[in-house]
């Protein structure tokens, strides 16, 4: 009798585990398909500027961005080291690429400084909070 109860409990747990694993595999597969779609899009052209004055901040952000479909075309310093918060400066009005950049970086602050002459689509000005984005 006890053996039957143990077998039934084990069977139920096994079924639940199989169902959980199939859900996890399905979710992972959907994420991989989404990433492949993103990889088929052209790279986002970005310039990274150090706005906080911390040595190497722009380089660290650039290295992080290289994990994504982002082409860092330049690194430098902002005009002033006054930025507490990291911000995206939109240079070319491309909503799809802006959404992708926000999704990749988790940087939600943005300002528009549209320019037909800009080589990059976006600038990322690295603020004092930049380490929170490098996860």
Protein backbone atom coordinates (compact mmCIF):
# COMPACT_ATOMS: atom_id res chain seq x y z
CA UNK A 1 0.00 0.00 0.00
CA UNK A 2 2.71 2.50 0.99
CA UNK A 3 4.75 1.45 -2.04
CA UNK A 4 1.77 2.21 -4.31
CA UNK A 5 1.38 5.69 -2.79
CA UNK A 6 5.10 6.36 -3.26
CA UNK A 7 4.91 5.17 -6.90
CA UNK A 8 1.88 7.39 -7.63
CA UNK A 9 3.55 10.41 -5.99
CA UNK A 10 6.76 9.78 -7.92
CA UNK A 11 4.79 9.44 -11.15
CA UNK A 12 2.95 12.74 -10.53
CA UNK A 13 6.19 14.56 -9.73
CA UNK A 14 7.80 13.14 -12.86
CA UNK A 15 4.90 14.35 -15.03
CA UNK A 16 5.06 17.82 -13.45
CA UNK A 17 8.81 17.97 -14.03
CA UNK A 18 8.39 16.97 -17.68
CA UNK A 19 5.71 19.64 -18.18
CA UNK A 20 7.88 22.28 -16.53
CA UNK A 21 10.88 21.36 -18.68
CA UNK A 22 8.81 21.49 -21.87
CA UNK A 23 7.57 24.98 -20.95
CA UNK A 24 11.15 26.14 -20.27
CA UNK A 25 12.35 24.69 -23.56
CA UNK A 26 9.52 26.43 -25.45
CA UNK A 27 10.27 29.79 -23.82
CA UNK A 28 13.99 29.42 -24.55
CA UNK A 29 13.25 28.50 -28.17
CA UNK A 30 11.08 31.62 -28.60
CA UNK A 31 13.84 33.79 -27.15
CA UNK A 32 16.42 32.25 -29.48
CA UNK A 33 14.16 32.89 -32.49
CA UNK A 34 13.71 36.51 -31.41
CA UNK A 35 17.48 36.93 -31.02
CA UNK A 36 18.06 35.45 -34.49
CA UNK A 37 15.57 37.92 -35.96
CA UNK A 38 17.40 40.75 -34.18
CA UNK A 39 20.73 39.50 -35.53
CA UNK A 40 19.38 39.65 -39.08
CA UNK A 41 18.76 43.38 -38.73
CA UNK A 42 21.59 45.80 -39.49
CA UNK A 43 23.82 46.76 -36.58
CA UNK A 44 22.87 49.90 -34.69
CA UNK A 45 25.53 52.60 -35.15
CA UNK A 46 26.42 54.21 -31.83
CA UNK A 47 29.01 56.64 -30.49
CA UNK A 48 29.82 56.33 -26.78
CA UNK A 49 30.81 59.45 -24.86
CA UNK A 50 32.12 59.64 -21.31
CA UNK A 51 29.90 62.14 -19.52
CA UNK A 52 30.84 61.29 -15.95
CA UNK A 53 34.61 61.73 -16.01
CA UNK A 54 35.37 58.27 -14.63
CA UNK A 55 38.45 56.97 -16.38
CA UNK A 56 37.59 54.21 -18.87
CA UNK A 57 33.80 54.54 -18.50
CA UNK A 58 33.15 54.93 -22.24
CA UNK A 59 35.44 51.99 -23.04
CA UNK A 60 33.69 49.78 -20.50
CA UNK A 61 30.31 50.68 -21.98
CA UNK A 62 31.65 50.06 -25.49
CA UNK A 63 32.92 46.61 -24.50
CA UNK A 64 29.52 45.80 -23.01
CA UNK A 65 27.69 46.96 -26.14
CA UNK A 66 29.81 44.67 -28.30
CA UNK A 67 27.77 41.73 -26.93
CA UNK A 68 24.81 42.98 -28.94
CA UNK A 69 24.16 43.84 -32.56
CA UNK A 70 25.65 47.31 -31.97
CA UNK A 71 28.45 48.90 -34.00
CA UNK A 72 30.35 51.33 -31.78
CA UNK A 73 31.83 53.72 -34.34
CA UNK A 74 33.53 56.01 -31.85
CA UNK A 75 34.48 56.58 -28.24
CA UNK A 76 35.28 59.91 -26.66
CA UNK A 77 34.43 62.44 -24.00
CA UNK A 78 31.26 64.48 -23.72
CA UNK A 79 31.64 68.27 -23.71
CA UNK A 80 31.38 68.26 -19.91
CA UNK A 81 31.58 65.66 -17.15
CA UNK A 82 28.25 66.60 -15.59
CA UNK A 83 26.13 63.52 -16.26
CA UNK A 84 24.82 61.65 -13.24
CA UNK A 85 22.54 59.49 -15.40
CA UNK A 86 23.36 57.62 -18.60
CA UNK A 87 21.30 58.82 -21.56
CA UNK A 88 20.71 57.95 -25.21
CA UNK A 89 20.93 60.90 -27.61
CA UNK A 90 18.88 60.21 -30.73
CA UNK A 91 20.66 61.55 -33.81
CA UNK A 92 18.58 59.80 -36.51
CA UNK A 93 14.86 59.27 -36.12
CA UNK A 94 14.62 55.46 -36.33
CA UNK A 95 12.04 54.23 -33.84
CA UNK A 96 12.75 50.54 -34.47
CA UNK A 97 16.47 50.91 -33.77
CA UNK A 98 15.75 53.09 -30.73
CA UNK A 99 13.50 50.39 -29.29
CA UNK A 100 16.16 47.75 -29.97
CA UNK A 101 18.85 49.90 -28.33
CA UNK A 102 16.68 50.45 -25.26
CA UNK A 103 15.91 46.73 -25.07
CA UNK A 104 19.60 45.77 -25.37
CA UNK A 105 20.96 48.37 -22.95
CA UNK A 106 18.03 48.96 -20.55
CA UNK A 107 18.83 52.69 -20.81
CA UNK A 108 15.45 54.39 -20.79
CA UNK A 109 16.49 58.07 -20.70
CA UNK A 110 16.68 59.68 -24.09
CA UNK A 111 16.85 63.07 -25.71
CA UNK A 112 16.48 64.01 -29.34
CA UNK A 113 19.16 65.99 -31.16
CA UNK A 114 18.34 64.97 -34.72
CA UNK A 115 21.03 65.65 -37.31
CA UNK A 116 21.13 64.77 -41.00
CA UNK A 117 24.93 65.06 -40.86
CA UNK A 118 25.45 62.53 -38.05
CA UNK A 119 27.29 59.32 -38.95
CA UNK A 120 25.93 57.51 -35.90
CA UNK A 121 22.24 56.91 -35.25
CA UNK A 122 22.63 57.36 -31.50
CA UNK A 123 25.05 58.58 -28.90
CA UNK A 124 25.21 57.07 -25.46
CA UNK A 125 26.47 59.54 -22.90
CA UNK A 126 27.79 57.53 -19.99
CA UNK A 127 26.74 58.90 -16.61
CA UNK A 128 27.86 58.09 -13.09
CA UNK A 129 25.25 55.32 -12.94
CA UNK A 130 26.76 53.42 -15.91
CA UNK A 131 27.84 50.39 -13.89
CA UNK A 132 24.19 49.54 -13.24
CA UNK A 133 23.77 48.91 -16.99
CA UNK A 134 26.74 46.56 -17.36
CA UNK A 135 25.02 43.45 -15.98
